[in-house]
């Protein structure tokens, strides 16, 4: 049954066209830049299941237009086989490329700390189910943090331990923490998907759990 749900989700979007999406003003989801602003930006990359819902919940909490630290986001594929370059959504959904659906966040560390983003990542998905979020099953739905520096790696591990002790007693967090590798942007219709399609599919685990 679960695999059928995944196949249905993939099939629905093989018929997607730009005309099916609502027109949105993307400037609401990109920080306004002034001369010299945001010169010291950083990147955070998270995988927490279907990337539509992951992007949606981060941008609802930290709207770039409100100067809360997130400057812009993109959804895409990372953590895959070196031989699987420029994967398509259909290819990733087969599980053979080993890519995760992921969210890439550009943020201003003078406004929001990386650790806060890591904790929000844990608050808004289920990190104890291996290769699964709700009814979405497969290695592309795995929970993972892809770090961009040794400092990020240490922060991610420290917060993982803290969250494990405070919120998941009796369960084990299975989130992978690994160095970020090659990133591929997903197809355009995936970008800001739930803002274009407010009634579209959202994994039920993508909510605030505490």
C-alpha atoms as a PDB file:
ATOM      1  CA  UNK A   1       0.000   0.000   0.000  1.00  0.00           C
ATOM      2  CA  UNK A   2       2.756   2.441   0.925  1.00  0.00           C
ATOM      3  CA  UNK A   3       4.642   1.785  -2.292  1.00  0.00           C
ATOM      4  CA  UNK A   4       1.424   2.419  -4.212  1.00  0.00           C
ATOM      5  CA  UNK A   5       1.139   5.827  -2.551  1.00  0.00           C
ATOM      6  CA  UNK A   6       4.654   6.681  -3.688  1.00  0.00           C
ATOM      7  CA  UNK A   7       3.910   5.551  -7.245  1.00  0.00           C
ATOM      8  CA  UNK A   8       0.697   7.591  -7.259  1.00  0.00           C
ATOM      9  CA  UNK A   9       2.532  10.703  -6.071  1.00  0.00           C
ATOM     10  CA  UNK A  10       5.137  10.277  -8.807  1.00  0.00           C
ATOM     11  CA  UNK A  11       2.514   9.639 -11.464  1.00  0.00           C
ATOM     12  CA  UNK A  12       0.494  12.719 -10.555  1.00  0.00           C
ATOM     13  CA  UNK A  13       3.486  14.964 -11.093  1.00  0.00           C
ATOM     14  CA  UNK A  14       4.402  13.439 -14.405  1.00  0.00           C
ATOM     15  CA  UNK A  15       1.283  15.267 -15.631  1.00  0.00           C
ATOM     16  CA  UNK A  16       2.076  18.548 -13.872  1.00  0.00           C
ATOM     17  CA  UNK A  17       2.236  21.676 -16.026  1.00  0.00           C
ATOM     18  CA  UNK A  18       2.904  25.296 -15.133  1.00  0.00           C
ATOM     19  CA  UNK A  19      -0.761  26.098 -15.806  1.00  0.00           C
ATOM     20  CA  UNK A  20      -1.780  23.817 -12.943  1.00  0.00           C
ATOM     21  CA  UNK A  21       0.005  25.966 -10.352  1.00  0.00           C
ATOM     22  CA  UNK A  22      -1.205  29.183  -8.763  1.00  0.00           C
ATOM     23  CA  UNK A  23       0.803  32.263  -9.637  1.00  0.00           C
ATOM     24  CA  UNK A  24       2.795  33.496  -6.651  1.00  0.00           C
ATOM     25  CA  UNK A  25       5.052  36.446  -5.982  1.00  0.00           C
ATOM     26  CA  UNK A  26       8.379  34.738  -5.312  1.00  0.00           C
ATOM     27  CA  UNK A  27       9.792  37.928  -3.775  1.00  0.00           C
ATOM     28  CA  UNK A  28       7.915  36.988  -0.589  1.00  0.00           C
ATOM     29  CA  UNK A  29      10.195  33.957  -0.294  1.00  0.00           C
ATOM     30  CA  UNK A  30      13.480  35.713  -1.059  1.00  0.00           C
ATOM     31  CA  UNK A  31      15.087  38.263   1.234  1.00  0.00           C
ATOM     32  CA  UNK A  32      15.425  41.777  -0.126  1.00  0.00           C
ATOM     33  CA  UNK A  33      19.121  42.505  -0.654  1.00  0.00           C
ATOM     34  CA  UNK A  34      20.747  45.899  -0.249  1.00  0.00           C
ATOM     35  CA  UNK A  35      24.290  46.870  -1.108  1.00  0.00           C
ATOM     36  CA  UNK A  36      26.692  45.127   1.253  1.00  0.00           C
ATOM     37  CA  UNK A  37      23.930  43.218   3.034  1.00  0.00           C
ATOM     38  CA  UNK A  38      24.208  39.518   3.902  1.00  0.00           C
ATOM     39  CA  UNK A  39      27.842  39.305   2.807  1.00  0.00           C
ATOM     40  CA  UNK A  40      28.570  36.491   5.297  1.00  0.00           C
ATOM     41  CA  UNK A  41      25.952  33.937   4.379  1.00  0.00           C
ATOM     42  CA  UNK A  42      25.998  30.221   5.143  1.00  0.00           C
ATOM     43  CA  UNK A  43      24.273  27.160   3.744  1.00  0.00           C
ATOM     44  CA  UNK A  44      22.296  24.552   5.683  1.00  0.00           C
ATOM     45  CA  UNK A  45      21.070  21.365   4.019  1.00  0.00           C
ATOM     46  CA  UNK A  46      18.435  19.062   5.506  1.00  0.00           C
ATOM     47  CA  UNK A  47      16.565  15.961   4.347  1.00  0.00           C
ATOM     48  CA  UNK A  48      13.371  15.113   6.226  1.00  0.00           C
ATOM     49  CA  UNK A  49      11.093  13.338   3.790  1.00  0.00           C
ATOM     50  CA  UNK A  50       9.087  14.927   0.982  1.00  0.00           C
ATOM     51  CA  UNK A  51      10.845  18.189   0.256  1.00  0.00           C
ATOM     52  CA  UNK A  52       7.625  20.084  -0.470  1.00  0.00           C
ATOM     53  CA  UNK A  53       6.610  20.036   3.181  1.00  0.00           C
ATOM     54  CA  UNK A  54      10.128  20.622   4.509  1.00  0.00           C
ATOM     55  CA  UNK A  55      10.530  23.810   2.502  1.00  0.00           C
ATOM     56  CA  UNK A  56       6.997  24.928   3.363  1.00  0.00           C
ATOM     57  CA  UNK A  57       7.351  24.623   7.144  1.00  0.00           C
ATOM     58  CA  UNK A  58      10.753  26.355   7.254  1.00  0.00           C
ATOM     59  CA  UNK A  59       9.511  29.284   5.174  1.00  0.00           C
ATOM     60  CA  UNK A  60       6.316  29.613   7.209  1.00  0.00           C
ATOM     61  CA  UNK A  61       8.410  29.860  10.382  1.00  0.00           C
ATOM     62  CA  UNK A  62      11.179  32.045   8.944  1.00  0.00           C
ATOM     63  CA  UNK A  63       9.726  34.126   6.084  1.00  0.00           C
ATOM     64  CA  UNK A  64      12.616  35.799   4.243  1.00  0.00           C
ATOM     65  CA  UNK A  65      10.502  38.937   3.764  1.00  0.00           C
ATOM     66  CA  UNK A  66      10.387  39.326   7.568  1.00  0.00           C
ATOM     67  CA  UNK A  67      14.178  39.303   8.013  1.00  0.00           C
ATOM     68  CA  UNK A  68      14.232  36.272  10.321  1.00  0.00           C
ATOM     69  CA  UNK A  69      17.506  34.943   8.949  1.00  0.00           C
ATOM     70  CA  UNK A  70      16.578  32.683   6.041  1.00  0.00           C
ATOM     71  CA  UNK A  71      17.433  34.445   2.788  1.00  0.00           C
ATOM     72  CA  UNK A  72      16.272  31.891   0.235  1.00  0.00           C
ATOM     73  CA  UNK A  73      15.685  28.185  -0.225  1.00  0.00           C
ATOM     74  CA  UNK A  74      15.697  25.568  -2.934  1.00  0.00           C
ATOM     75  CA  UNK A  75      14.671  21.927  -2.989  1.00  0.00           C
ATOM     76  CA  UNK A  76      16.735  19.301  -4.705  1.00  0.00           C
ATOM     77  CA  UNK A  77      18.680  16.082  -4.541  1.00  0.00           C
ATOM     78  CA  UNK A  78      21.897  15.273  -2.680  1.00  0.00           C
ATOM     79  CA  UNK A  79      23.751  12.411  -1.009  1.00  0.00           C
ATOM     80  CA  UNK A  80      23.529  10.184  -4.070  1.00  0.00           C
ATOM     81  CA  UNK A  81      25.895   7.975  -5.996  1.00  0.00           C
ATOM     82  CA  UNK A  82      28.699   9.797  -7.797  1.00  0.00           C
ATOM     83  CA  UNK A  83      27.718   7.985 -10.974  1.00  0.00           C
ATOM     84  CA  UNK A  84      24.129   9.272 -10.763  1.00  0.00           C
ATOM     85  CA  UNK A  85      24.576  12.824 -12.005  1.00  0.00           C
ATOM     86  CA  UNK A  86      21.774  15.314 -12.732  1.00  0.00           C
ATOM     87  CA  UNK A  87      19.056  12.933 -11.545  1.00  0.00           C
ATOM     88  CA  UNK A  88      15.419  13.507 -12.389  1.00  0.00           C
ATOM     89  CA  UNK A  89      12.581  13.291  -9.884  1.00  0.00           C
ATOM     90  CA  UNK A  90      11.459   9.979 -11.378  1.00  0.00           C
ATOM     91  CA  UNK A  91      14.967   8.540 -11.084  1.00  0.00           C
ATOM     92  CA  UNK A  92      15.331   9.642  -7.462  1.00  0.00           C
ATOM     93  CA  UNK A  93      11.947   8.102  -6.596  1.00  0.00           C
ATOM     94  CA  UNK A  94      13.153   4.684  -7.757  1.00  0.00           C
ATOM     95  CA  UNK A  95      15.728   4.698  -4.947  1.00  0.00           C
ATOM     96  CA  UNK A  96      18.483   3.527  -7.280  1.00  0.00           C
ATOM     97  CA  UNK A  97      20.417   6.820  -7.291  1.00  0.00           C
ATOM     98  CA  UNK A  98      20.547   6.951  -3.444  1.00  0.00           C
ATOM     99  CA  UNK A  99      19.771  10.670  -3.466  1.00  0.00           C
ATOM    100  CA  UNK A 100      17.705  12.217  -0.694  1.00  0.00           C
ATOM    101  CA  UNK A 101      15.007  14.788  -1.321  1.00  0.00           C
ATOM    102  CA  UNK A 102      16.481  17.762   0.503  1.00  0.00           C
ATOM    103  CA  UNK A 103      16.145  21.442   1.329  1.00  0.00           C
ATOM    104  CA  UNK A 104      19.032  23.853   0.828  1.00  0.00           C
ATOM    105  CA  UNK A 105      18.814  27.010   2.939  1.00  0.00           C
ATOM    106  CA  UNK A 106      20.894  30.137   2.512  1.00  0.00           C
ATOM    107  CA  UNK A 107      20.867  32.033   5.798  1.00  0.00           C
ATOM    108  CA  UNK A 108      22.416  34.983   7.576  1.00  0.00           C
ATOM    109  CA  UNK A 109      24.264  33.711  10.698  1.00  0.00           C
ATOM    110  CA  UNK A 110      24.186  37.187  12.223  1.00  0.00           C
ATOM    111  CA  UNK A 111      20.395  36.842  12.484  1.00  0.00           C
ATOM    112  CA  UNK A 112      19.823  33.132  13.009  1.00  0.00           C
ATOM    113  CA  UNK A 113      22.279  30.542  14.261  1.00  0.00           C
ATOM    114  CA  UNK A 114      22.826  27.227  12.519  1.00  0.00           C
ATOM    115  CA  UNK A 115      21.929  25.404  15.726  1.00  0.00           C
ATOM    116  CA  UNK A 116      18.448  26.916  15.751  1.00  0.00           C
ATOM    117  CA  UNK A 117      17.850  25.635  12.226  1.00  0.00           C
ATOM    118  CA  UNK A 118      19.020  22.151  13.248  1.00  0.00           C
ATOM    119  CA  UNK A 119      16.671  22.101  16.214  1.00  0.00           C
ATOM    120  CA  UNK A 120      13.757  23.290  14.072  1.00  0.00           C
ATOM    121  CA  UNK A 121      14.571  20.489  11.613  1.00  0.00           C
ATOM    122  CA  UNK A 122      14.171  17.964  14.430  1.00  0.00           C
ATOM    123  CA  UNK A 123      10.994  19.631  15.732  1.00  0.00           C
ATOM    124  CA  UNK A 124       9.231  19.295  12.393  1.00  0.00           C
ATOM    125  CA  UNK A 125       9.655  15.696  11.253  1.00  0.00           C
ATOM    126  CA  UNK A 126      10.001  12.151  12.582  1.00  0.00           C
ATOM    127  CA  UNK A 127      13.732  11.379  12.930  1.00  0.00           C
ATOM    128  CA  UNK A 128      13.324   7.871  14.399  1.00  0.00           C
ATOM    129  CA  UNK A 129      11.901   6.068  11.345  1.00  0.00           C
ATOM    130  CA  UNK A 130      14.508   4.717   8.935  1.00  0.00           C
ATOM    131  CA  UNK A 131      13.953   5.766   5.314  1.00  0.00           C
ATOM    132  CA  UNK A 132      10.398   6.784   6.062  1.00  0.00           C
ATOM    133  CA  UNK A 133       8.196   9.775   6.869  1.00  0.00           C
ATOM    134  CA  UNK A 134       4.574   8.862   7.472  1.00  0.00           C
ATOM    135  CA  UNK A 135       3.346   6.932   4.450  1.00  0.00           C
ATOM    136  CA  UNK A 136       6.349   7.930   2.319  1.00  0.00           C
ATOM    137  CA  UNK A 137       8.870   5.093   2.221  1.00  0.00           C
ATOM    138  CA  UNK A 138      12.233   4.884   0.476  1.00  0.00           C
ATOM    139  CA  UNK A 139      15.840   5.955   0.897  1.00  0.00           C
ATOM    140  CA  UNK A 140      15.049   9.291  -0.769  1.00  0.00           C
ATOM    141  CA  UNK A 141      12.811  10.087   2.227  1.00  0.00           C
ATOM    142  CA  UNK A 142      15.546   9.509   4.808  1.00  0.00           C
ATOM    143  CA  UNK A 143      16.334  11.893   7.641  1.00  0.00           C
ATOM    144  CA  UNK A 144      19.747  13.493   7.133  1.00  0.00           C
ATOM    145  CA  UNK A 145      21.820  16.575   7.866  1.00  0.00           C
ATOM    146  CA  UNK A 146      24.401  17.436   5.229  1.00  0.00           C
ATOM    147  CA  UNK A 147      27.037  19.656   6.838  1.00  0.00           C
ATOM    148  CA  UNK A 148      29.131  22.320   5.137  1.00  0.00           C
ATOM    149  CA  UNK A 149      31.938  22.718   7.686  1.00  0.00           C
ATOM    150  CA  UNK A 150      33.494  20.938  10.668  1.00  0.00           C
ATOM    151  CA  UNK A 151      31.756  23.494  12.896  1.00  0.00           C
ATOM    152  CA  UNK A 152      28.360  22.605  11.441  1.00  0.00           C
ATOM    153  CA  UNK A 153      29.106  18.916  11.950  1.00  0.00           C
ATOM    154  CA  UNK A 154      29.893  19.444  15.631  1.00  0.00           C
ATOM    155  CA  UNK A 155      26.794  21.578  16.185  1.00  0.00           C
ATOM    156  CA  UNK A 156      24.590  19.038  14.416  1.00  0.00           C
ATOM    157  CA  UNK A 157      25.937  16.166  16.529  1.00  0.00           C
ATOM    158  CA  UNK A 158      25.627  18.123  19.783  1.00  0.00           C
ATOM    159  CA  UNK A 159      22.033  19.117  19.068  1.00  0.00           C
ATOM    160  CA  UNK A 160      21.163  15.596  17.954  1.00  0.00           C
ATOM    161  CA  UNK A 161      22.322  14.301  21.331  1.00  0.00           C
ATOM    162  CA  UNK A 162      20.379  17.031  23.140  1.00  0.00           C
ATOM    163  CA  UNK A 163      17.184  16.315  21.189  1.00  0.00           C
ATOM    164  CA  UNK A 164      17.606  12.576  21.717  1.00  0.00           C
ATOM    165  CA  UNK A 165      17.835  13.016  25.489  1.00  0.00           C
ATOM    166  CA  UNK A 166      15.036  15.571  25.795  1.00  0.00           C
ATOM    167  CA  UNK A 167      12.453  14.392  23.286  1.00  0.00           C
ATOM    168  CA  UNK A 168      13.060  10.806  22.193  1.00  0.00           C
ATOM    169  CA  UNK A 169      13.623   8.750  25.320  1.00  0.00           C
ATOM    170  CA  UNK A 170      12.952   5.110  24.509  1.00  0.00           C
ATOM    171  CA  UNK A 171      13.443   5.768  20.792  1.00  0.00           C
ATOM    172  CA  UNK A 172      16.561   6.176  18.679  1.00  0.00           C
ATOM    173  CA  UNK A 173      17.197   9.024  16.272  1.00  0.00           C
ATOM    174  CA  UNK A 174      18.375   7.533  12.961  1.00  0.00           C
ATOM    175  CA  UNK A 175      19.235  10.828  11.261  1.00  0.00           C
ATOM    176  CA  UNK A 176      22.415  10.609   9.198  1.00  0.00           C
ATOM    177  CA  UNK A 177      24.965  13.391   9.645  1.00  0.00           C
ATOM    178  CA  UNK A 178      27.431  13.581   6.780  1.00  0.00           C
ATOM    179  CA  UNK A 179      29.502  16.035   4.818  1.00  0.00           C
ATOM    180  CA  UNK A 180      27.575  17.758   2.048  1.00  0.00           C
ATOM    181  CA  UNK A 181      28.387  16.626  -1.456  1.00  0.00           C
ATOM    182  CA  UNK A 182      27.089  17.431  -4.917  1.00  0.00           C
ATOM    183  CA  UNK A 183      23.766  19.264  -4.971  1.00  0.00           C
ATOM    184  CA  UNK A 184      21.234  19.195  -7.822  1.00  0.00           C
ATOM    185  CA  UNK A 185      18.259  21.555  -7.901  1.00  0.00           C
ATOM    186  CA  UNK A 186      14.970  19.764  -8.392  1.00  0.00           C
ATOM    187  CA  UNK A 187      12.737  20.573 -11.339  1.00  0.00           C
ATOM    188  CA  UNK A 188      11.145  24.025 -11.231  1.00  0.00           C
ATOM    189  CA  UNK A 189       7.631  22.792 -10.468  1.00  0.00           C
ATOM    190  CA  UNK A 190       8.911  21.435  -7.131  1.00  0.00           C
ATOM    191  CA  UNK A 191      10.240  24.818  -5.992  1.00  0.00           C
ATOM    192  CA  UNK A 192       7.900  26.497  -3.455  1.00  0.00           C
ATOM    193  CA  UNK A 193       5.394  23.807  -4.391  1.00  0.00           C
ATOM    194  CA  UNK A 194       3.004  24.143  -1.437  1.00  0.00           C
ATOM    195  CA  UNK A 195       2.867  27.907  -1.877  1.00  0.00           C
ATOM    196  CA  UNK A 196       1.817  27.384  -5.488  1.00  0.00           C
ATOM    197  CA  UNK A 197      -0.552  24.546  -4.566  1.00  0.00           C
ATOM    198  CA  UNK A 198      -1.836  25.196  -1.003  1.00  0.00           C
ATOM    199  CA  UNK A 199      -4.035  22.082  -1.062  1.00  0.00           C
ATOM    200  CA  UNK A 200      -1.252  19.863  -2.387  1.00  0.00           C
ATOM    201  CA  UNK A 201       0.160  16.820  -0.629  1.00  0.00           C
ATOM    202  CA  UNK A 202       1.965  17.424   2.655  1.00  0.00           C
ATOM    203  CA  UNK A 203       3.407  14.616   4.756  1.00  0.00           C
ATOM    204  CA  UNK A 204       1.591  14.563   8.127  1.00  0.00           C
ATOM    205  CA  UNK A 205       4.887  14.372  10.030  1.00  0.00           C
ATOM    206  CA  UNK A 206       5.770  17.889   8.850  1.00  0.00           C
ATOM    207  CA  UNK A 207       4.401  19.832  11.802  1.00  0.00           C
ATOM    208  CA  UNK A 208       5.755  21.170  15.083  1.00  0.00           C
ATOM    209  CA  UNK A 209       6.098  18.232  17.467  1.00  0.00           C
ATOM    210  CA  UNK A 210       7.063  20.351  20.490  1.00  0.00           C
END
